[in-house]
Amino acid sequence: MRSREYDLDFRDRATRIRAWGIGLLAVATLQWTWCALLLLTPYTVDEEPDDRYPAECESRLLTERGTANDGLQRGDWCQNERDWPEALAVLGLSVPVSVVGVALFTSGSVSIRMSAHAEAMRELDKSADARNA
């Protein structure tokens, strides 16, 4: 009976580890989504506080004009609103979160599968012993 209790405890721990991995992968997905929103969506910029007619800016990644690369010296208010470093920082932070999430999810899943396999092998051994006895 002790081995069964140990096995159930082992599976519970593996399930929690896998759940942590899923949680971290969800956080990484949110970070990727935020990065995509920063790079792919158009936005507006106030040229002065409480501007009634803010400047319309194209997305940082899909622009045909120089709004993503030319600065305020050309009268472009869009330049400093969404900087590349912010988007790349979000993307960079998602990498370790993703790696740890994948490692935890894989470890938990493999542990659960191995425990189920070991239990199935024990049951097969019991039925073979019962037939031979």
N, C-alpha and C. Protein backbone atom coordinates (compact mmCIF):
# COMPACT_ATOMS: atom_id res chain seq x y z
N MET A 1 0.81 -1.20 0.00
CA MET A 1 0.00 0.00 0.00
C MET A 1 0.85 1.26 0.00
N ARG A 2 2.01 1.21 0.62
CA ARG A 2 2.83 2.40 0.67
C ARG A 2 3.27 2.85 -0.71
N SER A 3 3.57 1.89 -1.58
CA SER A 3 4.01 2.28 -2.92
C SER A 3 2.89 2.98 -3.68
N ARG A 4 1.65 2.57 -3.46
CA ARG A 4 0.52 3.22 -4.12
C ARG A 4 0.37 4.66 -3.63
N GLU A 5 0.50 4.88 -2.33
CA GLU A 5 0.42 6.24 -1.79
C GLU A 5 1.56 7.10 -2.32
N TYR A 6 2.75 6.53 -2.38
CA TYR A 6 3.89 7.26 -2.93
C TYR A 6 3.64 7.60 -4.39
N ASP A 7 3.09 6.65 -5.14
CA ASP A 7 2.82 6.89 -6.55
C ASP A 7 1.78 7.99 -6.73
N LEU A 8 0.75 8.00 -5.92
CA LEU A 8 -0.27 9.05 -6.02
C LEU A 8 0.31 10.41 -5.66
N ASP A 9 1.16 10.44 -4.64
CA ASP A 9 1.82 11.69 -4.28
C ASP A 9 2.75 12.16 -5.40
N PHE A 10 3.45 11.22 -6.01
CA PHE A 10 4.34 11.53 -7.14
C PHE A 10 3.54 12.13 -8.29
N ARG A 11 2.39 11.54 -8.59
CA ARG A 11 1.54 12.06 -9.67
C ARG A 11 0.98 13.44 -9.35
N ASP A 12 0.63 13.67 -8.09
CA ASP A 12 0.15 15.00 -7.70
C ASP A 12 1.22 16.05 -7.88
N ARG A 13 2.44 15.73 -7.46
CA ARG A 13 3.55 16.68 -7.66
C ARG A 13 3.81 16.92 -9.14
N ALA A 14 3.77 15.86 -9.94
CA ALA A 14 3.99 16.00 -11.37
C ALA A 14 2.88 16.84 -12.01
N THR A 15 1.66 16.68 -11.55
CA THR A 15 0.55 17.47 -12.07
C THR A 15 0.73 18.95 -11.73
N ARG A 16 1.20 19.24 -10.50
CA ARG A 16 1.46 20.63 -10.13
C ARG A 16 2.59 21.22 -10.96
N ILE A 17 3.64 20.44 -11.20
CA ILE A 17 4.75 20.92 -12.03
C ILE A 17 4.26 21.22 -13.43
N ARG A 18 3.45 20.33 -13.98
CA ARG A 18 2.91 20.56 -15.32
C ARG A 18 2.01 21.79 -15.34
N ALA A 19 1.24 22.00 -14.29
CA ALA A 19 0.37 23.19 -14.22
C ALA A 19 1.20 24.48 -14.17
N TRP A 20 2.31 24.47 -13.43
CA TRP A 20 3.20 25.62 -13.43
C TRP A 20 3.76 25.88 -14.83
N GLY A 21 4.10 24.81 -15.53
CA GLY A 21 4.59 24.97 -16.90
C GLY A 21 3.54 25.58 -17.80
N ILE A 22 2.30 25.13 -17.67
CA ILE A 22 1.21 25.70 -18.47
C ILE A 22 1.02 27.18 -18.13
N GLY A 23 1.11 27.50 -16.84
CA GLY A 23 0.98 28.89 -16.43
C GLY A 23 2.07 29.78 -17.01
N LEU A 24 3.31 29.29 -16.97
CA LEU A 24 4.41 30.08 -17.54
C LEU A 24 4.28 30.20 -19.06
N LEU A 25 3.81 29.17 -19.71
CA LEU A 25 3.59 29.27 -21.16
C LEU A 25 2.47 30.27 -21.47
N ALA A 26 1.47 30.35 -20.61
CA ALA A 26 0.41 31.35 -20.79
C ALA A 26 0.97 32.76 -20.63
N VAL A 27 1.86 32.96 -19.65
CA VAL A 27 2.51 34.26 -19.47
C VAL A 27 3.35 34.61 -20.70
N ALA A 28 4.09 33.65 -21.22
CA ALA A 28 4.91 33.89 -22.41
C ALA A 28 4.02 34.22 -23.61
N THR A 29 2.86 33.57 -23.72
CA THR A 29 1.93 33.88 -24.80
C THR A 29 1.43 35.31 -24.68
N LEU A 30 1.14 35.75 -23.47
CA LEU A 30 0.72 37.14 -23.27
C LEU A 30 1.83 38.11 -23.66
N GLN A 31 3.07 37.77 -23.34
CA GLN A 31 4.20 38.62 -23.71
C GLN A 31 4.36 38.69 -25.23
N TRP A 32 4.21 37.56 -25.91
CA TRP A 32 4.29 37.55 -27.37
C TRP A 32 3.15 38.38 -27.97
N THR A 33 1.96 38.27 -27.39
CA THR A 33 0.82 39.03 -27.88
C THR A 33 1.06 40.53 -27.68
N TRP A 34 1.58 40.89 -26.53
CA TRP A 34 1.88 42.31 -26.28
C TRP A 34 2.92 42.83 -27.27
N CYS A 35 3.95 42.06 -27.53
CA CYS A 35 4.97 42.46 -28.51
C CYS A 35 4.35 42.63 -29.89
N ALA A 36 3.49 41.70 -30.29
CA ALA A 36 2.83 41.79 -31.59
C ALA A 36 1.95 43.04 -31.66
N LEU A 37 1.23 43.34 -30.58
CA LEU A 37 0.41 44.55 -30.57
C LEU A 37 1.26 45.81 -30.70
N LEU A 38 2.39 45.83 -30.02
CA LEU A 38 3.26 46.99 -30.11
C LEU A 38 3.80 47.19 -31.52
N LEU A 39 4.08 46.10 -32.21
CA LEU A 39 4.71 46.20 -33.53
C LEU A 39 3.72 46.27 -34.69
N LEU A 40 2.53 45.73 -34.53
CA LEU A 40 1.63 45.57 -35.67
C LEU A 40 0.41 46.48 -35.68
N THR A 41 0.11 47.17 -34.60
CA THR A 41 -1.09 48.00 -34.57
C THR A 41 -0.75 49.47 -34.76
N PRO A 42 -1.59 50.19 -35.52
CA PRO A 42 -1.41 51.64 -35.63
C PRO A 42 -1.78 52.32 -34.30
N TYR A 43 -1.31 53.53 -34.12
CA TYR A 43 -1.54 54.23 -32.86
C TYR A 43 -1.58 55.73 -33.11
N THR A 44 -1.98 56.48 -32.08
CA THR A 44 -2.03 57.94 -32.18
C THR A 44 -1.12 58.54 -31.12
N VAL A 45 -0.64 59.77 -31.41
CA VAL A 45 0.26 60.46 -30.51
C VAL A 45 -0.23 61.90 -30.34
N ASP A 46 -0.32 62.35 -29.10
CA ASP A 46 -0.66 63.75 -28.84
C ASP A 46 0.57 64.60 -29.06
N GLU A 47 0.43 65.66 -29.87
CA GLU A 47 1.56 66.56 -30.10
C GLU A 47 1.72 67.54 -28.95
N GLU A 48 0.65 67.75 -28.21
CA GLU A 48 0.68 68.58 -27.01
C GLU A 48 -0.35 67.99 -26.04
N PRO A 49 -0.29 68.33 -24.77
CA PRO A 49 -1.25 67.77 -23.82
C PRO A 49 -2.70 68.07 -24.21
N ASP A 50 -3.56 67.07 -24.05
CA ASP A 50 -4.99 67.18 -24.39
C ASP A 50 -5.21 67.62 -25.82
N ASP A 51 -4.42 67.09 -26.73
CA ASP A 51 -4.53 67.42 -28.16
C ASP A 51 -5.86 66.89 -28.70
N ARG A 52 -6.63 67.75 -29.36
CA ARG A 52 -7.92 67.32 -29.92
C ARG A 52 -7.73 66.54 -31.21
N TYR A 53 -6.63 66.75 -31.89
CA TYR A 53 -6.37 66.06 -33.15
C TYR A 53 -4.98 65.41 -33.08
N PRO A 54 -4.90 64.24 -32.45
CA PRO A 54 -3.59 63.59 -32.31
C PRO A 54 -3.07 63.10 -33.66
N ALA A 55 -1.77 62.96 -33.73
CA ALA A 55 -1.12 62.48 -34.96
C ALA A 55 -1.41 60.99 -35.12
N GLU A 56 -1.79 60.60 -36.32
CA GLU A 56 -2.03 59.19 -36.63
C GLU A 56 -0.70 58.57 -37.04
N CYS A 57 -0.37 57.44 -36.44
CA CYS A 57 0.90 56.78 -36.73
C CYS A 57 0.64 55.37 -37.24
N GLU A 58 1.45 54.97 -38.21
CA GLU A 58 1.35 53.61 -38.73
C GLU A 58 2.01 52.65 -37.74
N SER A 59 1.76 51.36 -37.95
CA SER A 59 2.41 50.38 -37.07
C SER A 59 3.92 50.45 -37.26
N ARG A 60 4.64 50.05 -36.23
CA ARG A 60 6.11 50.15 -36.28
C ARG A 60 6.71 49.18 -37.29
N LEU A 61 6.09 48.06 -37.49
CA LEU A 61 6.68 47.03 -38.34
C LEU A 61 6.23 47.14 -39.79
N LEU A 62 4.99 47.54 -40.01
CA LEU A 62 4.42 47.51 -41.36
C LEU A 62 4.25 48.89 -41.97
N THR A 63 5.19 49.77 -41.72
CA THR A 63 5.09 51.12 -42.25
C THR A 63 5.74 51.23 -43.62
N GLU A 64 5.16 52.07 -44.47
CA GLU A 64 5.76 52.33 -45.77
C GLU A 64 6.51 53.65 -45.76
N ARG A 65 6.21 54.46 -44.78
CA ARG A 65 6.91 55.74 -44.64
C ARG A 65 8.02 55.59 -43.62
N GLY A 66 8.67 56.67 -43.30
CA GLY A 66 9.78 56.62 -42.37
C GLY A 66 9.40 56.80 -40.92
N THR A 67 8.16 56.60 -40.57
CA THR A 67 7.75 56.88 -39.19
C THR A 67 8.48 56.00 -38.18
N ALA A 68 8.88 54.83 -38.58
CA ALA A 68 9.55 53.94 -37.64
C ALA A 68 11.02 54.25 -37.49
N ASN A 69 11.59 55.00 -38.42
CA ASN A 69 13.04 55.19 -38.41
C ASN A 69 13.49 56.65 -38.36
N ASP A 70 12.67 57.57 -38.80
CA ASP A 70 13.05 58.98 -38.79
C ASP A 70 12.57 59.62 -37.51
N GLY A 71 13.27 60.64 -37.06
CA GLY A 71 12.98 61.20 -35.74
C GLY A 71 12.21 62.50 -35.76
N LEU A 72 12.25 63.16 -34.61
CA LEU A 72 11.52 64.40 -34.43
C LEU A 72 12.09 65.54 -35.26
N GLN A 73 13.33 65.43 -35.74
CA GLN A 73 13.91 66.50 -36.54
C GLN A 73 13.14 66.72 -37.84
N ARG A 74 12.40 65.72 -38.27
CA ARG A 74 11.58 65.85 -39.48
C ARG A 74 10.12 66.15 -39.12
N GLY A 75 9.85 66.47 -37.86
CA GLY A 75 8.50 66.77 -37.43
C GLY A 75 7.64 65.53 -37.25
N ASP A 76 8.26 64.43 -36.96
CA ASP A 76 7.55 63.16 -36.81
C ASP A 76 7.34 62.87 -35.33
N TRP A 77 6.11 63.01 -34.87
CA TRP A 77 5.78 62.79 -33.47
C TRP A 77 5.66 61.31 -33.14
N CYS A 78 5.61 60.47 -34.14
CA CYS A 78 5.42 59.04 -33.92
C CYS A 78 6.68 58.33 -33.46
N GLN A 79 7.83 58.93 -33.70
CA GLN A 79 9.10 58.26 -33.48
C GLN A 79 9.27 57.78 -32.05
N ASN A 80 9.05 58.64 -31.08
CA ASN A 80 9.40 58.30 -29.70
C ASN A 80 8.27 57.63 -28.93
N GLU A 81 7.12 57.49 -29.52
CA GLU A 81 5.99 56.93 -28.78
C GLU A 81 6.12 55.43 -28.57
N ARG A 82 6.45 54.70 -29.60
CA ARG A 82 6.65 53.24 -29.49
C ARG A 82 8.05 52.90 -29.97
N ASP A 83 8.94 52.78 -29.04
CA ASP A 83 10.33 52.50 -29.39
C ASP A 83 10.54 51.01 -29.58
N TRP A 84 11.51 50.66 -30.42
CA TRP A 84 11.87 49.27 -30.64
C TRP A 84 12.37 48.59 -29.37
N PRO A 85 13.16 49.29 -28.54
CA PRO A 85 13.67 48.60 -27.34
C PRO A 85 12.56 48.07 -26.43
N GLU A 86 11.44 48.77 -26.33
CA GLU A 86 10.34 48.28 -25.48
C GLU A 86 9.79 46.96 -26.02
N ALA A 87 9.54 46.92 -27.32
CA ALA A 87 9.01 45.69 -27.92
C ALA A 87 10.03 44.55 -27.82
N LEU A 88 11.29 44.86 -28.06
CA LEU A 88 12.31 43.82 -27.99
C LEU A 88 12.55 43.36 -26.56
N ALA A 89 12.38 44.24 -25.58
CA ALA A 89 12.51 43.83 -24.18
C ALA A 89 11.41 42.85 -23.80
N VAL A 90 10.18 43.14 -24.25
CA VAL A 90 9.08 42.23 -23.97
C VAL A 90 9.34 40.88 -24.63
N LEU A 91 9.82 40.91 -25.85
CA LEU A 91 10.15 39.68 -26.57
C LEU A 91 11.29 38.93 -25.89
N GLY A 92 12.31 39.67 -25.45
CA GLY A 92 13.44 39.05 -24.78
C GLY A 92 13.06 38.42 -23.45
N LEU A 93 12.16 39.06 -22.71
CA LEU A 93 11.71 38.50 -21.43
C LEU A 93 10.86 37.25 -21.63
N SER A 94 10.25 37.13 -22.78
CA SER A 94 9.40 35.95 -23.01
C SER A 94 10.23 34.68 -23.26
N VAL A 95 11.47 34.84 -23.68
CA VAL A 95 12.30 33.67 -23.99
C VAL A 95 12.59 32.81 -22.76
N PRO A 96 13.15 33.37 -21.66
CA PRO A 96 13.38 32.50 -20.50
C PRO A 96 12.09 31.97 -19.89
N VAL A 97 11.02 32.77 -19.93
CA VAL A 97 9.74 32.31 -19.41
C VAL A 97 9.25 31.11 -20.22
N SER A 98 9.40 31.20 -21.54
CA SER A 98 9.00 30.09 -22.42
C SER A 98 9.83 28.84 -22.17
N VAL A 99 11.13 29.02 -22.04
CA VAL A 99 12.03 27.87 -21.84
C VAL A 99 11.71 27.16 -20.53
N VAL A 100 11.54 27.92 -19.46
CA VAL A 100 11.22 27.31 -18.17
C VAL A 100 9.83 26.66 -18.22
N GLY A 101 8.88 27.32 -18.88
CA GLY A 101 7.54 26.75 -19.01
C GLY A 101 7.55 25.43 -19.77
N VAL A 102 8.29 25.38 -20.85
CA VAL A 102 8.38 24.13 -21.63
C VAL A 102 9.06 23.04 -20.81
N ALA A 103 10.12 23.41 -20.09
CA ALA A 103 10.83 22.41 -19.28
C ALA A 103 9.92 21.85 -18.18
N LEU A 104 9.19 22.72 -17.49
CA LEU A 104 8.30 22.25 -16.43
C LEU A 104 7.15 21.41 -16.99
N PHE A 105 6.55 21.87 -18.08
CA PHE A 105 5.45 21.12 -18.68
C PHE A 105 5.92 19.74 -19.14
N THR A 106 7.07 19.69 -19.79
CA THR A 106 7.60 18.41 -20.28
C THR A 106 7.95 17.49 -19.12
N SER A 107 8.60 18.03 -18.11
CA SER A 107 8.97 17.21 -16.95
C SER A 107 7.74 16.64 -16.26
N GLY A 108 6.74 17.47 -16.05
CA GLY A 108 5.52 16.99 -15.41
C GLY A 108 4.79 15.96 -16.25
N SER A 109 4.70 16.20 -17.55
CA SER A 109 4.01 15.25 -18.43
C SER A 109 4.73 13.91 -18.50
N VAL A 110 6.05 13.94 -18.61
CA VAL A 110 6.82 12.70 -18.68
C VAL A 110 6.72 11.95 -17.35
N SER A 111 6.75 12.66 -16.24
CA SER A 111 6.63 12.00 -14.94
C SER A 111 5.28 11.30 -14.80
N ILE A 112 4.22 11.95 -15.22
CA ILE A 112 2.89 11.34 -15.15
C ILE A 112 2.83 10.11 -16.03
N ARG A 113 3.36 10.22 -17.24
CA ARG A 113 3.34 9.07 -18.16
C ARG A 113 4.17 7.91 -17.63
N MET A 114 5.32 8.20 -17.07
CA MET A 114 6.17 7.13 -16.54
C MET A 114 5.51 6.46 -15.33
N SER A 115 4.84 7.24 -14.50
CA SER A 115 4.13 6.67 -13.36
C SER A 115 3.00 5.76 -13.83
N ALA A 116 2.27 6.21 -14.82
CA ALA A 116 1.18 5.38 -15.37
C ALA A 116 1.74 4.11 -15.99
N HIS A 117 2.87 4.23 -16.66
CA HIS A 117 3.50 3.06 -17.26
C HIS A 117 3.95 2.07 -16.18
N ALA A 118 4.56 2.58 -15.13
CA ALA A 118 5.02 1.70 -14.04
C ALA A 118 3.84 1.00 -13.38
N GLU A 119 2.73 1.73 -13.20
CA GLU A 119 1.54 1.10 -12.62
C GLU A 119 1.00 0.01 -13.54
N ALA A 120 0.96 0.27 -14.83
CA ALA A 120 0.48 -0.74 -15.78
C ALA A 120 1.38 -1.97 -15.76
N MET A 121 2.69 -1.77 -15.65
CA MET A 121 3.62 -2.90 -15.59
C MET A 121 3.40 -3.71 -14.31
N ARG A 122 3.16 -3.03 -13.19
CA ARG A 122 2.88 -3.74 -11.94
C ARG A 122 1.61 -4.58 -12.05
N GLU A 123 0.59 -4.00 -12.68
CA GLU A 123 -0.68 -4.74 -12.85
C GLU A 123 -0.48 -5.94 -13.77
N LEU A 124 0.31 -5.80 -14.82
CA LEU A 124 0.59 -6.93 -15.71
C LEU A 124 1.37 -8.02 -14.98
N ASP A 125 2.33 -7.60 -14.16
CA ASP A 125 3.09 -8.58 -13.38
C ASP A 125 2.18 -9.32 -12.40
N LYS A 126 1.26 -8.61 -11.77
CA LYS A 126 0.33 -9.24 -10.82
C LYS A 126 -0.56 -10.25 -11.54
N SER A 127 -1.09 -9.88 -12.70
CA SER A 127 -1.96 -10.81 -13.44
C SER A 127 -1.17 -12.01 -13.96
N ALA A 128 0.08 -11.81 -14.36
CA ALA A 128 0.90 -12.94 -14.82
C ALA A 128 1.24 -13.86 -13.65
N ASP A 129 1.53 -13.28 -12.50
CA ASP A 129 1.81 -14.10 -11.31
C ASP A 129 0.57 -14.88 -10.89
N ALA A 130 -0.60 -14.26 -11.00
CA ALA A 130 -1.84 -14.95 -10.62
C ALA A 130 -2.14 -16.12 -11.55
N ARG A 131 -1.84 -15.98 -12.83
CA ARG A 131 -2.06 -17.07 -13.79
C ARG A 131 -1.06 -18.22 -13.57
N ASN A 132 0.16 -17.88 -13.20
CA ASN A 132 1.18 -18.90 -13.00
C ASN A 132 1.04 -19.63 -11.66
N ALA A 133 0.35 -19.03 -10.73
CA ALA A 133 0.22 -19.66 -9.41
C ALA A 133 -0.89 -20.66 -9.32
